[in-house]
Amino acid sequence: MPRSVNHVASRAKRKRILKLTRGYFGARRNVWTVAKNTWEKGLQYAYRDRKNKKRNFRALWIQRINAAARLEGLSYSQLMGALHKAGIEMNRKVLADLAMNNPAAFQAIVKQAKHSVK
């Protein structure tokens, strides 16, 4: 009996992946093995960089808080320690946003933290 191969399904799978590689350069877009490898590698990069994105944003928030804290005469670590001792529970994302967009509110928070530590 002859071997039965489902060409419809295998061709559909190849078409689906080749459609996802549109816009790639050269053979990466239309040569099956190269396109498949590129697409798989792209998924690995996407998974990795979803984690790195969180890391990068946290680092950015810390830099912004540090810059604003130094204008108030504190370092980042001194400010975070003072906030912790004062019982001010505010995450770095919100602090960085206040430091950038509402300096008066940030100064008030720093003043409250300084006042409660002394």
PDB file of N, CA and C in Angstrom:
ATOM      1  N   MET A   1       0.841  -1.186   0.000  1.00  0.00           N
ATOM      2  CA  MET A   1       0.000   0.000   0.000  1.00  0.00           C
ATOM      3  C   MET A   1       0.882   1.244   0.000  1.00  0.00           C
ATOM      4  N   PRO A   2       0.571   2.255  -0.791  1.00  0.00           N
ATOM      5  CA  PRO A   2       1.407   3.446  -0.855  1.00  0.00           C
ATOM      6  C   PRO A   2       1.325   4.269   0.436  1.00  0.00           C
ATOM      7  N   ARG A   3       2.366   5.013   0.661  1.00  0.00           N
ATOM      8  CA  ARG A   3       2.451   5.854   1.848  1.00  0.00           C
ATOM      9  C   ARG A   3       1.487   7.024   1.704  1.00  0.00           C
ATOM     10  N   SER A   4       0.760   7.311   2.760  1.00  0.00           N
ATOM     11  CA  SER A   4      -0.215   8.401   2.737  1.00  0.00           C
ATOM     12  C   SER A   4       0.361   9.598   3.485  1.00  0.00           C
ATOM     13  N   VAL A   5       0.432  10.714   2.787  1.00  0.00           N
ATOM     14  CA  VAL A   5       0.979  11.935   3.386  1.00  0.00           C
ATOM     15  C   VAL A   5      -0.072  13.032   3.260  1.00  0.00           C
ATOM     16  N   ASN A   6      -0.273  13.748   4.322  1.00  0.00           N
ATOM     17  CA  ASN A   6      -1.279  14.816   4.319  1.00  0.00           C
ATOM     18  C   ASN A   6      -0.632  16.102   3.816  1.00  0.00           C
ATOM     19  N   HIS A   7      -0.562  16.237   2.481  1.00  0.00           N
ATOM     20  CA  HIS A   7       0.080  17.410   1.896  1.00  0.00           C
ATOM     21  C   HIS A   7      -0.686  18.698   2.190  1.00  0.00           C
ATOM     22  N   VAL A   8      -1.979  18.599   2.343  1.00  0.00           N
ATOM     23  CA  VAL A   8      -2.778  19.805   2.590  1.00  0.00           C
ATOM     24  C   VAL A   8      -2.371  20.433   3.926  1.00  0.00           C
ATOM     25  N   ALA A   9      -2.260  19.611   4.957  1.00  0.00           N
ATOM     26  CA  ALA A   9      -1.916  20.125   6.285  1.00  0.00           C
ATOM     27  C   ALA A   9      -0.480  20.614   6.336  1.00  0.00           C
ATOM     28  N   SER A  10       0.456  19.864   5.741  1.00  0.00           N
ATOM     29  CA  SER A  10       1.861  20.274   5.809  1.00  0.00           C
ATOM     30  C   SER A  10       2.088  21.559   5.014  1.00  0.00           C
ATOM     31  N   ARG A  11       1.426  21.676   3.853  1.00  0.00           N
ATOM     32  CA  ARG A  11       1.562  22.893   3.062  1.00  0.00           C
ATOM     33  C   ARG A  11       0.940  24.094   3.799  1.00  0.00           C
ATOM     34  N   ALA A  12      -0.197  23.847   4.462  1.00  0.00           N
ATOM     35  CA  ALA A  12      -0.838  24.930   5.218  1.00  0.00           C
ATOM     36  C   ALA A  12       0.063  25.400   6.353  1.00  0.00           C
ATOM     37  N   LYS A  13       0.734  24.466   7.006  1.00  0.00           N
ATOM     38  CA  LYS A  13       1.646  24.827   8.099  1.00  0.00           C
ATOM     39  C   LYS A  13       2.804  25.669   7.563  1.00  0.00           C
ATOM     40  N   ARG A  14       3.367  25.251   6.413  1.00  0.00           N
ATOM     41  CA  ARG A  14       4.466  26.014   5.822  1.00  0.00           C
ATOM     42  C   ARG A  14       3.998  27.409   5.405  1.00  0.00           C
ATOM     43  N   LYS A  15       2.823  27.486   4.819  1.00  0.00           N
ATOM     44  CA  LYS A  15       2.298  28.785   4.394  1.00  0.00           C
ATOM     45  C   LYS A  15       2.088  29.708   5.589  1.00  0.00           C
ATOM     46  N   ARG A  16       1.591  29.139   6.686  1.00  0.00           N
ATOM     47  CA  ARG A  16       1.329  29.944   7.874  1.00  0.00           C
ATOM     48  C   ARG A  16       2.630  30.548   8.409  1.00  0.00           C
ATOM     49  N   ILE A  17       3.679  29.739   8.467  1.00  0.00           N
ATOM     50  CA  ILE A  17       4.952  30.244   8.991  1.00  0.00           C
ATOM     51  C   ILE A  17       5.610  31.204   8.003  1.00  0.00           C
ATOM     52  N   LEU A  18       5.523  30.905   6.698  1.00  0.00           N
ATOM     53  CA  LEU A  18       6.092  31.817   5.707  1.00  0.00           C
ATOM     54  C   LEU A  18       5.354  33.159   5.710  1.00  0.00           C
ATOM     55  N   LYS A  19       4.063  33.135   6.019  1.00  0.00           N
ATOM     56  CA  LYS A  19       3.320  34.383   6.120  1.00  0.00           C
ATOM     57  C   LYS A  19       3.822  35.219   7.302  1.00  0.00           C
ATOM     58  N   LEU A  20       4.230  34.541   8.382  1.00  0.00           N
ATOM     59  CA  LEU A  20       4.742  35.249   9.558  1.00  0.00           C
ATOM     60  C   LEU A  20       6.127  35.847   9.322  1.00  0.00           C
ATOM     61  N   THR A  21       6.844  35.352   8.321  1.00  0.00           N
ATOM     62  CA  THR A  21       8.195  35.850   8.061  1.00  0.00           C
ATOM     63  C   THR A  21       8.218  36.897   6.956  1.00  0.00           C
ATOM     64  N   ARG A  22       7.054  37.396   6.532  1.00  0.00           N
ATOM     65  CA  ARG A  22       7.043  38.474   5.545  1.00  0.00           C
ATOM     66  C   ARG A  22       7.735  39.689   6.135  1.00  0.00           C
ATOM     67  N   GLY A  23       8.514  40.364   5.330  1.00  0.00           N
ATOM     68  CA  GLY A  23       9.219  41.547   5.794  1.00  0.00           C
ATOM     69  C   GLY A  23      10.640  41.255   6.225  1.00  0.00           C
ATOM     70  N   TYR A  24      11.002  39.972   6.343  1.00  0.00           N
ATOM     71  CA  TYR A  24      12.382  39.630   6.657  1.00  0.00           C
ATOM     72  C   TYR A  24      13.230  39.812   5.408  1.00  0.00           C
ATOM     73  N   PHE A  25      14.539  39.867   5.559  1.00  0.00           N
ATOM     74  CA  PHE A  25      15.445  40.143   4.455  1.00  0.00           C
ATOM     75  C   PHE A  25      15.901  38.852   3.774  1.00  0.00           C
ATOM     76  N   GLY A  26      15.896  38.866   2.458  1.00  0.00           N
ATOM     77  CA  GLY A  26      16.479  37.774   1.673  1.00  0.00           C
ATOM     78  C   GLY A  26      15.798  36.442   1.890  1.00  0.00           C
ATOM     79  N   ALA A  27      16.623  35.404   2.038  1.00  0.00           N
ATOM     80  CA  ALA A  27      16.114  34.035   2.160  1.00  0.00           C
ATOM     81  C   ALA A  27      15.346  33.817   3.455  1.00  0.00           C
ATOM     82  N   ARG A  28      15.500  34.720   4.401  1.00  0.00           N
ATOM     83  CA  ARG A  28      14.790  34.572   5.672  1.00  0.00           C
ATOM     84  C   ARG A  28      13.276  34.653   5.492  1.00  0.00           C
ATOM     85  N   ARG A  29      12.831  35.178   4.360  1.00  0.00           N
ATOM     86  CA  ARG A  29      11.400  35.336   4.153  1.00  0.00           C
ATOM     87  C   ARG A  29      10.779  34.212   3.332  1.00  0.00           C
ATOM     88  N   ASN A  30      11.561  33.552   2.443  1.00  0.00           N
ATOM     89  CA  ASN A  30      10.910  32.639   1.517  1.00  0.00           C
ATOM     90  C   ASN A  30      11.543  31.250   1.399  1.00  0.00           C
ATOM     91  N   VAL A  31      12.689  31.013   1.967  1.00  0.00           N
ATOM     92  CA  VAL A  31      13.286  29.662   1.973  1.00  0.00           C
ATOM     93  C   VAL A  31      12.818  28.983   3.250  1.00  0.00           C
ATOM     94  N   TRP A  32      12.159  27.853   3.104  1.00  0.00           N
ATOM     95  CA  TRP A  32      11.443  27.228   4.216  1.00  0.00           C
ATOM     96  C   TRP A  32      12.318  27.024   5.442  1.00  0.00           C
ATOM     97  N   THR A  33      13.467  26.362   5.311  1.00  0.00           N
ATOM     98  CA  THR A  33      14.263  26.033   6.504  1.00  0.00           C
ATOM     99  C   THR A  33      14.826  27.302   7.153  1.00  0.00           C
ATOM    100  N   VAL A  34      15.287  28.229   6.325  1.00  0.00           N
ATOM    101  CA  VAL A  34      15.835  29.479   6.870  1.00  0.00           C
ATOM    102  C   VAL A  34      14.731  30.281   7.545  1.00  0.00           C
ATOM    103  N   ALA A  35      13.576  30.364   6.892  1.00  0.00           N
ATOM    104  CA  ALA A  35      12.455  31.126   7.453  1.00  0.00           C
ATOM    105  C   ALA A  35      11.984  30.507   8.764  1.00  0.00           C
ATOM    106  N   LYS A  36      11.897  29.185   8.816  1.00  0.00           N
ATOM    107  CA  LYS A  36      11.441  28.509  10.030  1.00  0.00           C
ATOM    108  C   LYS A  36      12.420  28.757  11.181  1.00  0.00           C
ATOM    109  N   ASN A  37      13.703  28.656  10.899  1.00  0.00           N
ATOM    110  CA  ASN A  37      14.703  28.891  11.943  1.00  0.00           C
ATOM    111  C   ASN A  37      14.658  30.335  12.435  1.00  0.00           C
ATOM    112  N   THR A  38      14.503  31.267  11.509  1.00  0.00           N
ATOM    113  CA  THR A  38      14.436  32.683  11.878  1.00  0.00           C
ATOM    114  C   THR A  38      13.209  32.968  12.722  1.00  0.00           C
ATOM    115  N   TRP A  39      12.081  32.394  12.324  1.00  0.00           N
ATOM    116  CA  TRP A  39      10.830  32.580  13.063  1.00  0.00           C
ATOM    117  C   TRP A  39      10.937  32.010  14.476  1.00  0.00           C
ATOM    118  N   GLU A  40      11.518  30.803  14.598  1.00  0.00           N
ATOM    119  CA  GLU A  40      11.689  30.188  15.922  1.00  0.00           C
ATOM    120  C   GLU A  40      12.612  31.024  16.796  1.00  0.00           C
ATOM    121  N   LYS A  41      13.696  31.519  16.210  1.00  0.00           N
ATOM    122  CA  LYS A  41      14.630  32.341  16.963  1.00  0.00           C
ATOM    123  C   LYS A  41      13.957  33.647  17.407  1.00  0.00           C
ATOM    124  N   GLY A  42      13.100  34.176  16.548  1.00  0.00           N
ATOM    125  CA  GLY A  42      12.357  35.385  16.901  1.00  0.00           C
ATOM    126  C   GLY A  42      11.461  35.167  18.106  1.00  0.00           C
ATOM    127  N   LEU A  43      10.852  33.979  18.201  1.00  0.00           N
ATOM    128  CA  LEU A  43      10.030  33.666  19.371  1.00  0.00           C
ATOM    129  C   LEU A  43      10.882  33.604  20.639  1.00  0.00           C
ATOM    130  N   GLN A  44      12.104  33.077  20.516  1.00  0.00           N
ATOM    131  CA  GLN A  44      13.006  33.033  21.673  1.00  0.00           C
ATOM    132  C   GLN A  44      13.370  34.443  22.121  1.00  0.00           C
ATOM    133  N   TYR A  45      13.682  35.306  21.155  1.00  0.00           N
ATOM    134  CA  TYR A  45      14.019  36.686  21.494  1.00  0.00           C
ATOM    135  C   TYR A  45      12.832  37.390  22.145  1.00  0.00           C
ATOM    136  N   ALA A  46      11.628  37.139  21.633  1.00  0.00           N
ATOM    137  CA  ALA A  46      10.440  37.787  22.182  1.00  0.00           C
ATOM    138  C   ALA A  46      10.216  37.361  23.630  1.00  0.00           C
ATOM    139  N   TYR A  47      10.390  36.068  23.912  1.00  0.00           N
ATOM    140  CA  TYR A  47      10.217  35.571  25.282  1.00  0.00           C
ATOM    141  C   TYR A  47      11.252  36.202  26.208  1.00  0.00           C
ATOM    142  N   ARG A  48      12.512  36.200  25.764  1.00  0.00           N
ATOM    143  CA  ARG A  48      13.592  36.759  26.584  1.00  0.00           C
ATOM    144  C   ARG A  48      13.367  38.246  26.844  1.00  0.00           C
ATOM    145  N   ASP A  49      12.983  38.967  25.801  1.00  0.00           N
ATOM    146  CA  ASP A  49      12.901  40.414  25.926  1.00  0.00           C
ATOM    147  C   ASP A  49      11.656  40.883  26.662  1.00  0.00           C
ATOM    148  N   ARG A  50      10.650  40.026  26.780  1.00  0.00           N
ATOM    149  CA  ARG A  50       9.533  40.390  27.652  1.00  0.00           C
ATOM    150  C   ARG A  50      10.012  40.467  29.092  1.00  0.00           C
ATOM    151  N   LYS A  51      10.960  39.625  29.469  1.00  0.00           N
ATOM    152  CA  LYS A  51      11.540  39.680  30.814  1.00  0.00           C
ATOM    153  C   LYS A  51      12.489  40.881  30.941  1.00  0.00           C
ATOM    154  N   ASN A  52      13.309  41.104  29.904  1.00  0.00           N
ATOM    155  CA  ASN A  52      14.281  42.200  29.948  1.00  0.00           C
ATOM    156  C   ASN A  52      13.601  43.563  29.978  1.00  0.00           C
ATOM    157  N   LYS A  53      12.419  43.651  29.360  1.00  0.00           N
ATOM    158  CA  LYS A  53      11.690  44.919  29.342  1.00  0.00           C
ATOM    159  C   LYS A  53      11.353  45.363  30.759  1.00  0.00           C
ATOM    160  N   LYS A  54      10.940  44.441  31.592  1.00  0.00           N
ATOM    161  CA  LYS A  54      10.620  44.760  32.988  1.00  0.00           C
ATOM    162  C   LYS A  54      11.869  45.236  33.723  1.00  0.00           C
ATOM    163  N   ARG A  55      12.985  44.553  33.471  1.00  0.00           N
ATOM    164  CA  ARG A  55      14.261  44.914  34.082  1.00  0.00           C
ATOM    165  C   ARG A  55      14.686  46.317  33.660  1.00  0.00           C
ATOM    166  N   ASN A  56      14.559  46.609  32.363  1.00  0.00           N
ATOM    167  CA  ASN A  56      14.983  47.906  31.840  1.00  0.00           C
ATOM    168  C   ASN A  56      14.128  49.046  32.398  1.00  0.00           C
ATOM    169  N   PHE A  57      12.821  48.815  32.497  1.00  0.00           N
ATOM    170  CA  PHE A  57      11.960  49.870  33.026  1.00  0.00           C
ATOM    171  C   PHE A  57      12.250  50.125  34.501  1.00  0.00           C
ATOM    172  N   ARG A  58      12.490  49.079  35.271  1.00  0.00           N
ATOM    173  CA  ARG A  58      12.817  49.279  36.683  1.00  0.00           C
ATOM    174  C   ARG A  58      14.105  50.097  36.818  1.00  0.00           C
ATOM    175  N   ALA A  59      15.101  49.799  35.986  1.00  0.00           N
ATOM    176  CA  ALA A  59      16.358  50.557  36.018  1.00  0.00           C
ATOM    177  C   ALA A  59      16.116  52.025  35.654  1.00  0.00           C
ATOM    178  N   LEU A  60      15.253  52.268  34.673  1.00  0.00           N
ATOM    179  CA  LEU A  60      14.936  53.637  34.276  1.00  0.00           C
ATOM    180  C   LEU A  60      14.248  54.388  35.405  1.00  0.00           C
ATOM    181  N   TRP A  61      13.296  53.724  36.072  1.00  0.00           N
ATOM    182  CA  TRP A  61      12.598  54.367  37.191  1.00  0.00           C
ATOM    183  C   TRP A  61      13.581  54.729  38.295  1.00  0.00           C
ATOM    184  N   ILE A  62      14.509  53.829  38.598  1.00  0.00           N
ATOM    185  CA  ILE A  62      15.492  54.081  39.654  1.00  0.00           C
ATOM    186  C   ILE A  62      16.372  55.275  39.286  1.00  0.00           C
ATOM    187  N   GLN A  63      16.793  55.367  38.024  1.00  0.00           N
ATOM    188  CA  GLN A  63      17.620  56.495  37.595  1.00  0.00           C
ATOM    189  C   GLN A  63      16.862  57.816  37.733  1.00  0.00           C
ATOM    190  N   ARG A  64      15.596  57.810  37.370  1.00  0.00           N
ATOM    191  CA  ARG A  64      14.800  59.039  37.469  1.00  0.00           C
ATOM    192  C   ARG A  64      14.582  59.448  38.918  1.00  0.00           C
ATOM    193  N   ILE A  65      14.312  58.472  39.773  1.00  0.00           N
ATOM    194  CA  ILE A  65      14.121  58.775  41.199  1.00  0.00           C
ATOM    195  C   ILE A  65      15.422  59.290  41.794  1.00  0.00           C
ATOM    196  N   ASN A  66      16.520  58.680  41.431  1.00  0.00           N
ATOM    197  CA  ASN A  66      17.833  59.088  41.946  1.00  0.00           C
ATOM    198  C   ASN A  66      18.140  60.528  41.543  1.00  0.00           C
ATOM    199  N   ALA A  67      17.885  60.871  40.270  1.00  0.00           N
ATOM    200  CA  ALA A  67      18.156  62.229  39.802  1.00  0.00           C
ATOM    201  C   ALA A  67      17.308  63.245  40.568  1.00  0.00           C
ATOM    202  N   ALA A  68      16.040  62.924  40.765  1.00  0.00           N
ATOM    203  CA  ALA A  68      15.157  63.852  41.488  1.00  0.00           C
ATOM    204  C   ALA A  68      15.513  63.922  42.963  1.00  0.00           C
ATOM    205  N   ALA A  69      15.924  62.809  43.545  1.00  0.00           N
ATOM    206  CA  ALA A  69      16.281  62.791  44.967  1.00  0.00           C
ATOM    207  C   ALA A  69      17.536  63.615  45.217  1.00  0.00           C
ATOM    208  N   ARG A  70      18.465  63.566  44.300  1.00  0.00           N
ATOM    209  CA  ARG A  70      19.708  64.329  44.473  1.00  0.00           C
ATOM    210  C   ARG A  70      19.451  65.832  44.423  1.00  0.00           C
ATOM    211  N   LEU A  71      18.418  66.248  43.694  1.00  0.00           N
ATOM    212  CA  LEU A  71      18.039  67.662  43.718  1.00  0.00           C
ATOM    213  C   LEU A  71      17.524  68.068  45.098  1.00  0.00           C
ATOM    214  N   GLU A  72      17.050  67.086  45.849  1.00  0.00           N
ATOM    215  CA  GLU A  72      16.544  67.323  47.204  1.00  0.00           C
ATOM    216  C   GLU A  72      17.604  67.060  48.270  1.00  0.00           C
ATOM    217  N   GLY A  73      18.826  66.720  47.850  1.00  0.00           N
ATOM    218  CA  GLY A  73      19.914  66.511  48.803  1.00  0.00           C
ATOM    219  C   GLY A  73      20.005  65.105  49.366  1.00  0.00           C
ATOM    220  N   LEU A  74      19.373  64.135  48.721  1.00  0.00           N
ATOM    221  CA  LEU A  74      19.435  62.737  49.153  1.00  0.00           C
ATOM    222  C   LEU A  74      19.912  61.866  48.001  1.00  0.00           C
ATOM    223  N   SER A  75      20.489  60.720  48.341  1.00  0.00           N
ATOM    224  CA  SER A  75      20.761  59.725  47.305  1.00  0.00           C
ATOM    225  C   SER A  75      19.539  58.818  47.173  1.00  0.00           C
ATOM    226  N   TYR A  76      19.550  57.979  46.168  1.00  0.00           N
ATOM    227  CA  TYR A  76      18.425  57.074  45.949  1.00  0.00           C
ATOM    228  C   TYR A  76      18.234  56.153  47.150  1.00  0.00           C
ATOM    229  N   SER A  77      19.337  55.574  47.623  1.00  0.00           N
ATOM    230  CA  SER A  77      19.214  54.608  48.721  1.00  0.00           C
ATOM    231  C   SER A  77      18.757  55.296  50.012  1.00  0.00           C
ATOM    232  N   GLN A  78      19.243  56.511  50.256  1.00  0.00           N
ATOM    233  CA  GLN A  78      18.798  57.253  51.439  1.00  0.00           C
ATOM    234  C   GLN A  78      17.299  57.559  51.357  1.00  0.00           C
ATOM    235  N   LEU A  79      16.854  57.958  50.172  1.00  0.00           N
ATOM    236  CA  LEU A  79      15.436  58.259  49.982  1.00  0.00           C
ATOM    237  C   LEU A  79      14.580  57.022  50.200  1.00  0.00           C
ATOM    238  N   MET A  80      14.964  55.899  49.604  1.00  0.00           N
ATOM    239  CA  MET A  80      14.160  54.684  49.727  1.00  0.00           C
ATOM    240  C   MET A  80      14.154  54.196  51.180  1.00  0.00           C
ATOM    241  N   GLY A  81      15.286  54.347  51.871  1.00  0.00           N
ATOM    242  CA  GLY A  81      15.326  53.986  53.284  1.00  0.00           C
ATOM    243  C   GLY A  81      14.421  54.868  54.120  1.00  0.00           C
ATOM    244  N   ALA A  82      14.445  56.167  53.816  1.00  0.00           N
ATOM    245  CA  ALA A  82      13.594  57.112  54.554  1.00  0.00           C
ATOM    246  C   ALA A  82      12.111  56.838  54.285  1.00  0.00           C
ATOM    247  N   LEU A  83      11.776  56.534  53.050  1.00  0.00           N
ATOM    248  CA  LEU A  83      10.380  56.216  52.719  1.00  0.00           C
ATOM    249  C   LEU A  83       9.924  54.965  53.458  1.00  0.00           C
ATOM    250  N   HIS A  84      10.805  53.985  53.526  1.00  0.00           N
ATOM    251  CA  HIS A  84      10.466  52.730  54.211  1.00  0.00           C
ATOM    252  C   HIS A  84      10.247  52.982  55.712  1.00  0.00           C
ATOM    253  N   LYS A  85      11.159  53.767  56.310  1.00  0.00           N
ATOM    254  CA  LYS A  85      11.026  54.058  57.736  1.00  0.00           C
ATOM    255  C   LYS A  85       9.795  54.903  58.028  1.00  0.00           C
ATOM    256  N   ALA A  86       9.451  55.779  57.081  1.00  0.00           N
ATOM    257  CA  ALA A  86       8.279  56.637  57.264  1.00  0.00           C
ATOM    258  C   ALA A  86       6.982  55.885  57.014  1.00  0.00           C
ATOM    259  N   GLY A  87       7.104  54.676  56.473  1.00  0.00           N
ATOM    260  CA  GLY A  87       5.900  53.888  56.192  1.00  0.00           C
ATOM    261  C   GLY A  87       5.164  54.337  54.949  1.00  0.00           C
ATOM    262  N   ILE A  88       5.868  55.016  54.060  1.00  0.00           N
ATOM    263  CA  ILE A  88       5.255  55.463  52.803  1.00  0.00           C
ATOM    264  C   ILE A  88       5.428  54.346  51.779  1.00  0.00           C
ATOM    265  N   GLU A  89       4.343  53.676  51.487  1.00  0.00           N
ATOM    266  CA  GLU A  89       4.371  52.558  50.546  1.00  0.00           C
ATOM    267  C   GLU A  89       4.030  53.081  49.149  1.00  0.00           C
ATOM    268  N   MET A  90       5.066  53.313  48.358  1.00  0.00           N
ATOM    269  CA  MET A  90       4.855  53.805  47.002  1.00  0.00           C
ATOM    270  C   MET A  90       5.866  53.113  46.106  1.00  0.00           C
ATOM    271  N   ASN A  91       5.387  52.546  44.990  1.00  0.00           N
ATOM    272  CA  ASN A  91       6.312  51.804  44.141  1.00  0.00           C
ATOM    273  C   ASN A  91       7.152  52.740  43.279  1.00  0.00           C
ATOM    274  N   ARG A  92       8.184  52.182  42.678  1.00  0.00           N
ATOM    275  CA  ARG A  92       9.148  52.977  41.929  1.00  0.00           C
ATOM    276  C   ARG A  92       8.535  53.592  40.676  1.00  0.00           C
ATOM    277  N   LYS A  93       7.587  52.895  40.082  1.00  0.00           N
ATOM    278  CA  LYS A  93       6.937  53.426  38.877  1.00  0.00           C
ATOM    279  C   LYS A  93       6.220  54.731  39.179  1.00  0.00           C
ATOM    280  N   VAL A  94       5.474  54.764  40.267  1.00  0.00           N
ATOM    281  CA  VAL A  94       4.722  55.968  40.646  1.00  0.00           C
ATOM    282  C   VAL A  94       5.680  57.074  41.079  1.00  0.00           C
ATOM    283  N   LEU A  95       6.703  56.723  41.841  1.00  0.00           N
ATOM    284  CA  LEU A  95       7.679  57.729  42.279  1.00  0.00           C
ATOM    285  C   LEU A  95       8.375  58.376  41.084  1.00  0.00           C
ATOM    286  N   ALA A  96       8.776  57.554  40.118  1.00  0.00           N
ATOM    287  CA  ALA A  96       9.456  58.081  38.934  1.00  0.00           C
ATOM    288  C   ALA A  96       8.520  58.980  38.133  1.00  0.00           C
ATOM    289  N   ASP A  97       7.255  58.608  38.045  1.00  0.00           N
ATOM    290  CA  ASP A  97       6.290  59.428  37.322  1.00  0.00           C
ATOM    291  C   ASP A  97       6.091  60.772  38.024  1.00  0.00           C
ATOM    292  N   LEU A  98       6.010  60.740  39.344  1.00  0.00           N
ATOM    293  CA  LEU A  98       5.882  61.998  40.091  1.00  0.00           C
ATOM    294  C   LEU A  98       7.125  62.867  39.921  1.00  0.00           C
ATOM    295  N   ALA A  99       8.292  62.240  39.958  1.00  0.00           N
ATOM    296  CA  ALA A  99       9.536  62.992  39.827  1.00  0.00           C
ATOM    297  C   ALA A  99       9.619  63.696  38.472  1.00  0.00           C
ATOM    298  N   MET A 100       9.113  63.032  37.432  1.00  0.00           N
ATOM    299  CA  MET A 100       9.180  63.611  36.089  1.00  0.00           C
ATOM    300  C   MET A 100       8.064  64.635  35.848  1.00  0.00           C
ATOM    301  N   ASN A 101       6.833  64.281  36.208  1.00  0.00           N
ATOM    302  CA  ASN A 101       5.679  65.064  35.775  1.00  0.00           C
ATOM    303  C   ASN A 101       5.084  65.973  36.847  1.00  0.00           C
ATOM    304  N   ASN A 102       5.424  65.708  38.116  1.00  0.00           N
ATOM    305  CA  ASN A 102       4.853  66.520  39.188  1.00  0.00           C
ATOM    306  C   ASN A 102       5.907  66.711  40.283  1.00  0.00           C
ATOM    307  N   PRO A 103       6.911  67.546  40.007  1.00  0.00           N
ATOM    308  CA  PRO A 103       8.007  67.709  40.971  1.00  0.00           C
ATOM    309  C   PRO A 103       7.553  68.214  42.344  1.00  0.00           C
ATOM    310  N   ALA A 104       6.494  69.005  42.382  1.00  0.00           N
ATOM    311  CA  ALA A 104       6.023  69.523  43.672  1.00  0.00           C
ATOM    312  C   ALA A 104       5.528  68.392  44.560  1.00  0.00           C
ATOM    313  N   ALA A 105       4.806  67.457  43.978  1.00  0.00           N
ATOM    314  CA  ALA A 105       4.321  66.310  44.754  1.00  0.00           C
ATOM    315  C   ALA A 105       5.484  65.449  45.216  1.00  0.00           C
ATOM    316  N   PHE A 106       6.481  65.279  44.352  1.00  0.00           N
ATOM    317  CA  PHE A 106       7.664  64.492  44.723  1.00  0.00           C
ATOM    318  C   PHE A 106       8.393  65.170  45.882  1.00  0.00           C
ATOM    319  N   GLN A 107       8.532  66.484  45.830  1.00  0.00           N
ATOM    320  CA  GLN A 107       9.189  67.221  46.915  1.00  0.00           C
ATOM    321  C   GLN A 107       8.426  67.067  48.224  1.00  0.00           C
ATOM    322  N   ALA A 108       7.110  67.069  48.132  1.00  0.00           N
ATOM    323  CA  ALA A 108       6.302  66.892  49.339  1.00  0.00           C
ATOM    324  C   ALA A 108       6.517  65.506  49.948  1.00  0.00           C
ATOM    325  N   ILE A 109       6.620  64.498  49.112  1.00  0.00           N
ATOM    326  CA  ILE A 109       6.862  63.133  49.606  1.00  0.00           C
ATOM    327  C   ILE A 109       8.244  63.046  50.247  1.00  0.00           C
ATOM    328  N   VAL A 110       9.244  63.647  49.596  1.00  0.00           N
ATOM    329  CA  VAL A 110      10.610  63.634  50.150  1.00  0.00           C
ATOM    330  C   VAL A 110      10.639  64.379  51.487  1.00  0.00           C
ATOM    331  N   LYS A 111       9.953  65.515  51.554  1.00  0.00           N
ATOM    332  CA  LYS A 111       9.905  66.300  52.788  1.00  0.00           C
ATOM    333  C   LYS A 111       9.253  65.486  53.921  1.00  0.00           C
ATOM    334  N   GLN A 112       8.167  64.795  53.581  1.00  0.00           N
ATOM    335  CA  GLN A 112       7.484  63.939  54.575  1.00  0.00           C
ATOM    336  C   GLN A 112       8.404  62.828  55.054  1.00  0.00           C
ATOM    337  N   ALA A 113       9.154  62.227  54.116  1.00  0.00           N
ATOM    338  CA  ALA A 113      10.072  61.136  54.482  1.00  0.00           C
ATOM    339  C   ALA A 113      11.211  61.672  55.367  1.00  0.00           C
ATOM    340  N   LYS A 114      11.769  62.824  55.015  1.00  0.00           N
ATOM    341  CA  LYS A 114      12.845  63.431  55.808  1.00  0.00           C
ATOM    342  C   LYS A 114      12.336  63.774  57.208  1.00  0.00           C
ATOM    343  N   HIS A 115      11.154  64.341  57.270  1.00  0.00           N
ATOM    344  CA  HIS A 115      10.589  64.801  58.540  1.00  0.00           C
ATOM    345  C   HIS A 115      10.334  63.630  59.484  1.00  0.00           C
ATOM    346  N   SER A 116       9.835  62.540  58.986  1.00  0.00           N
ATOM    347  CA  SER A 116       9.479  61.413  59.850  1.00  0.00           C
ATOM    348  C   SER A 116      10.712  60.614  60.295  1.00  0.00           C
ATOM    349  N   VAL A 117      11.826  60.725  59.560  1.00  0.00           N
ATOM    350  CA  VAL A 117      13.038  60.000  59.944  1.00  0.00           C
ATOM    351  C   VAL A 117      13.727  60.696  61.100  1.00  0.00           C
ATOM    352  N   LYS A 118      13.702  62.032  61.132  1.00  0.00           N
ATOM    353  CA  LYS A 118      14.392  62.790  62.190  1.00  0.00           C
ATOM    354  C   LYS A 118      13.706  62.653  63.514  1.00  0.00           C
TER     355      LYS A 118
END
